[in-house]
């Protein structure tokens, strides 16, 4: 069984939902939530944006006006993309034409029994930064865990020529940018959580229902409400 961040989060949030999704592999009985669909659409647009940038045409000093016209953006996302264009304009001014383009985007990477879809890896000419897109930045602890998992996958798989030094998250709704140098003790703590998950005996676990705010977004809520275990 390949282990992902989403899998571990689901198990912690509601073991019964975990059972439906990863053990029984049942199809959801509700459509994906609006927030999930919006997040997916934003990720796809970010990916398309970089695909369509012509580096030779980006103005050195003021790239914002060029970025605005790279791809068509649905009207409901234009506020989000104004922040994104500002963020990318500042990166362009800082890193220049040579290092502005991310080295990895929306890359699915498997190492050992771990799997991650890594939103983005940047390189500034000296060090690598792994970046995850979020709607907003609130639970820093959860964001760190996810990023350290991605760092581990990238470092151990040998895809990059040296270890990731920085972890970061860009919040597309608010324009926040969280970035810090990776710390060994936080990295080791994340790995211990993964090792503990690996050691679980899924055949002997009681998959209890855990109610909470997450229930409103759960794709299996009707199944759960009807008591179908």
Protein backbone atom coordinates (compact mmCIF):
# COMPACT_ATOMS: atom_id res chain seq x y z
CA UNK A 1 0.00 0.00 0.00
CA UNK A 2 1.49 3.31 -1.06
CA UNK A 3 1.41 5.90 1.72
CA UNK A 4 0.42 9.49 0.95
CA UNK A 5 -0.09 12.57 3.07
CA UNK A 6 -3.82 12.46 2.30
CA UNK A 7 -4.01 8.84 3.46
CA UNK A 8 -2.41 9.65 6.82
CA UNK A 9 -4.59 12.72 7.27
CA UNK A 10 -7.75 10.74 6.51
CA UNK A 11 -6.83 8.03 9.02
CA UNK A 12 -6.20 10.62 11.74
CA UNK A 13 -9.39 12.53 10.93
CA UNK A 14 -11.80 9.59 10.60
CA UNK A 15 -10.72 5.91 10.54
CA UNK A 16 -14.06 4.84 9.05
CA UNK A 17 -13.58 7.18 6.08
CA UNK A 18 -10.07 5.74 5.71
CA UNK A 19 -11.54 2.23 5.57
CA UNK A 20 -14.06 3.17 2.90
CA UNK A 21 -11.44 4.89 0.74
CA UNK A 22 -8.25 2.89 1.15
CA UNK A 23 -9.21 -0.55 2.50
CA UNK A 24 -12.58 -1.25 0.86
CA UNK A 25 -11.78 1.05 -2.08
CA UNK A 26 -15.41 2.04 -2.40
CA UNK A 27 -16.57 4.69 -4.83
CA UNK A 28 -17.73 7.90 -3.11
CA UNK A 29 -21.49 8.34 -2.99
CA UNK A 30 -21.35 12.15 -3.21
CA UNK A 31 -19.68 14.52 -5.63
CA UNK A 32 -16.44 16.21 -4.66
CA UNK A 33 -16.83 19.34 -2.55
CA UNK A 34 -16.72 22.77 -4.16
CA UNK A 35 -13.49 23.58 -2.30
CA UNK A 36 -11.82 20.46 -3.72
CA UNK A 37 -12.93 21.31 -7.25
CA UNK A 38 -11.72 24.91 -6.90
CA UNK A 39 -8.34 23.76 -5.56
CA UNK A 40 -7.93 21.34 -8.46
CA UNK A 41 -8.82 24.03 -10.99
CA UNK A 42 -6.33 26.49 -9.46
CA UNK A 43 -3.53 23.93 -9.54
CA UNK A 44 -4.23 23.20 -13.20
CA UNK A 45 -4.22 26.91 -14.08
CA UNK A 46 -0.91 27.44 -12.27
CA UNK A 47 0.55 24.55 -14.27
CA UNK A 48 -0.82 25.96 -17.55
CA UNK A 49 0.58 29.39 -16.75
CA UNK A 50 4.16 28.16 -16.62
CA UNK A 51 3.63 26.05 -19.75
CA UNK A 52 2.67 29.14 -21.74
CA UNK A 53 5.25 31.65 -20.52
CA UNK A 54 7.74 32.60 -23.23
CA UNK A 55 10.86 33.51 -21.25
CA UNK A 56 12.28 35.58 -24.11
CA UNK A 57 9.25 37.88 -24.05
CA UNK A 58 9.10 38.61 -20.31
CA UNK A 59 10.23 42.21 -19.60
CA UNK A 60 13.20 42.32 -17.25
CA UNK A 61 11.93 45.13 -15.01
CA UNK A 62 8.12 44.89 -15.02
CA UNK A 63 6.91 41.34 -15.81
CA UNK A 64 3.46 41.77 -14.21
CA UNK A 65 1.70 43.11 -17.33
CA UNK A 66 3.08 40.24 -19.38
CA UNK A 67 2.07 37.59 -16.83
CA UNK A 68 -1.51 38.89 -16.75
CA UNK A 69 -1.96 38.02 -20.42
CA UNK A 70 -0.27 34.60 -20.53
CA UNK A 71 -3.44 32.48 -20.13
CA UNK A 72 -7.18 33.19 -19.92
CA UNK A 73 -8.42 32.98 -16.33
CA UNK A 74 -12.10 32.48 -15.34
CA UNK A 75 -13.58 35.61 -13.82
CA UNK A 76 -14.10 33.96 -10.40
CA UNK A 77 -10.35 33.32 -10.10
CA UNK A 78 -9.03 36.69 -11.28
CA UNK A 79 -8.50 38.05 -7.76
CA UNK A 80 -6.46 34.97 -6.88
CA UNK A 81 -4.37 35.36 -9.99
CA UNK A 82 -3.66 39.04 -9.41
CA UNK A 83 -1.91 37.97 -6.19
CA UNK A 84 -0.19 35.12 -8.02
CA UNK A 85 1.12 37.47 -10.74
CA UNK A 86 2.48 39.83 -8.07
CA UNK A 87 4.19 36.93 -6.33
CA UNK A 88 5.74 35.69 -9.57
CA UNK A 89 6.78 39.21 -10.56
CA UNK A 90 8.75 39.55 -7.32
CA UNK A 91 10.37 36.16 -7.92
CA UNK A 92 11.31 37.23 -11.44
CA UNK A 93 12.96 40.40 -10.17
CA UNK A 94 14.84 38.42 -7.52
CA UNK A 95 15.96 35.36 -9.52
CA UNK A 96 15.91 36.59 -13.10
CA UNK A 97 15.31 34.80 -16.34
CA UNK A 98 17.70 31.93 -15.61
CA UNK A 99 16.21 30.68 -12.34
CA UNK A 100 12.61 31.89 -12.33
CA UNK A 101 11.02 28.80 -13.94
CA UNK A 102 10.27 25.99 -11.42
CA UNK A 103 12.32 22.84 -11.99
CA UNK A 104 9.37 20.55 -11.10
CA UNK A 105 5.61 21.14 -11.30
CA UNK A 106 2.75 18.80 -10.36
CA UNK A 107 5.15 15.88 -10.28
CA UNK A 108 3.98 12.50 -8.97
CA UNK A 109 6.94 10.82 -7.31
CA UNK A 110 7.09 7.38 -5.68
CA UNK A 111 9.93 6.33 -3.42
CA UNK A 112 9.80 3.04 -1.52
CA UNK A 113 6.21 2.96 -0.14
CA UNK A 114 5.68 6.75 -0.18
CA UNK A 115 3.89 8.69 -2.87
CA UNK A 116 3.47 12.42 -3.29
CA UNK A 117 2.20 14.81 -5.91
CA UNK A 118 4.62 17.68 -5.47
CA UNK A 119 3.18 21.00 -6.54
CA UNK A 120 6.47 22.70 -7.23
CA UNK A 121 10.23 22.78 -6.70
CA UNK A 122 12.18 26.01 -7.24
CA UNK A 123 15.93 26.47 -7.66
CA UNK A 124 17.66 29.80 -7.03
CA UNK A 125 21.03 28.83 -8.47
CA UNK A 126 22.26 27.46 -5.14
CA UNK A 127 19.48 25.68 -3.24
CA UNK A 128 16.20 23.86 -3.85
CA UNK A 129 12.86 24.82 -2.28
CA UNK A 130 9.84 22.49 -2.24
CA UNK A 131 6.57 24.45 -2.39
CA UNK A 132 3.00 23.36 -1.79
CA UNK A 133 -0.02 25.40 -2.88
CA UNK A 134 -2.72 25.99 -0.25
CA UNK A 135 -5.90 28.02 -0.14
CA UNK A 136 -4.66 29.68 3.05
CA UNK A 137 -1.88 29.15 5.55
CA UNK A 138 -3.21 28.38 9.00
CA UNK A 139 -2.04 25.01 10.37
CA UNK A 140 1.73 25.41 10.00
CA UNK A 141 2.39 22.10 11.77
CA UNK A 142 0.37 20.14 9.20
CA UNK A 143 1.98 22.05 6.32
CA UNK A 144 5.45 21.29 7.69
CA UNK A 145 4.69 17.57 7.96
CA UNK A 146 3.52 17.42 4.35
CA UNK A 147 6.55 19.35 3.08
CA UNK A 148 9.03 17.23 5.04
CA UNK A 149 7.42 14.14 3.56
CA UNK A 150 7.94 15.61 0.09
CA UNK A 151 11.52 16.57 0.97
CA UNK A 152 12.17 12.97 2.00
CA UNK A 153 10.75 11.59 -1.25
CA UNK A 154 12.77 14.06 -3.34
CA UNK A 155 16.02 13.57 -1.43
CA UNK A 156 15.90 9.79 -1.26
CA UNK A 157 14.73 9.26 -4.83
CA UNK A 158 17.73 11.15 -6.20
CA UNK A 159 15.64 13.18 -8.66
CA UNK A 160 17.51 16.34 -7.64
CA UNK A 161 21.28 16.63 -7.56
CA UNK A 162 21.31 17.60 -3.87
CA UNK A 163 18.91 17.70 -0.90
CA UNK A 164 16.08 20.21 -0.62
CA UNK A 165 17.14 22.99 1.75
CA UNK A 166 13.94 25.04 2.10
CA UNK A 167 10.28 24.17 2.59
CA UNK A 168 7.59 26.64 1.57
CA UNK A 169 3.88 27.10 0.98
CA UNK A 170 2.08 29.65 -1.20
CA UNK A 171 -1.51 30.51 -0.21
CA UNK A 172 -3.37 31.41 -3.39
CA UNK A 173 -6.41 32.92 -1.63
CA UNK A 174 -4.47 35.30 0.60
CA UNK A 175 -1.13 35.72 -1.19
CA UNK A 176 0.75 34.54 1.93
CA UNK A 177 4.12 32.89 1.46
CA UNK A 178 5.62 30.75 4.21
CA UNK A 179 9.25 29.69 3.78
CA UNK A 180 11.88 28.38 6.15
CA UNK A 181 15.08 26.39 6.13
CA UNK A 182 14.49 22.72 6.85
CA UNK A 183 15.41 21.62 10.37
CA UNK A 184 16.72 18.17 11.17
CA UNK A 185 14.64 17.64 14.31
CA UNK A 186 11.39 18.52 12.53
CA UNK A 187 12.35 16.29 9.64
CA UNK A 188 13.05 13.39 12.02
CA UNK A 189 9.75 13.95 13.81
CA UNK A 190 7.88 13.74 10.51
CA UNK A 191 9.70 10.51 9.63
CA UNK A 192 8.75 8.99 13.00
CA UNK A 193 5.08 9.67 12.25
CA UNK A 194 5.43 7.93 8.91
CA UNK A 195 7.20 4.95 10.50
CA UNK A 196 4.44 4.65 13.13
CA UNK A 197 1.83 4.60 10.37
CA UNK A 198 3.76 1.90 8.51
CA UNK A 199 3.66 -0.31 11.60
CA UNK A 200 -0.13 -0.25 12.01
CA UNK A 201 -1.94 -3.57 11.69
CA UNK A 202 -4.79 -2.54 9.39
CA UNK A 203 -6.37 -5.98 9.67
CA UNK A 204 -6.83 -5.62 13.41
CA UNK A 205 -7.94 -2.00 13.67
CA UNK A 206 -11.42 -0.93 14.74
CA UNK A 207 -12.36 1.69 12.15
CA UNK A 208 -14.50 3.92 14.31
CA UNK A 209 -16.56 6.81 13.02
CA UNK A 210 -15.15 10.14 14.15
CA UNK A 211 -17.59 13.02 13.77
CA UNK A 212 -16.42 16.57 13.31
CA UNK A 213 -16.38 19.62 11.04
CA UNK A 214 -14.81 17.47 8.33
CA UNK A 215 -18.05 15.49 7.92
CA UNK A 216 -19.63 18.20 5.79
CA UNK A 217 -16.90 17.74 3.16
CA UNK A 218 -16.69 13.94 3.31
CA UNK A 219 -17.45 12.16 0.05
CA UNK A 220 -18.69 9.12 1.99
CA UNK A 221 -21.07 10.93 4.35
CA UNK A 222 -24.27 9.32 3.05
CA UNK A 223 -22.77 5.87 3.37
CA UNK A 224 -21.65 6.74 6.88
CA UNK A 225 -25.00 8.28 7.91
CA UNK A 226 -26.85 5.15 6.78
CA UNK A 227 -24.68 3.05 9.07
CA UNK A 228 -23.19 0.98 6.24
CA UNK A 229 -19.96 -0.38 7.70
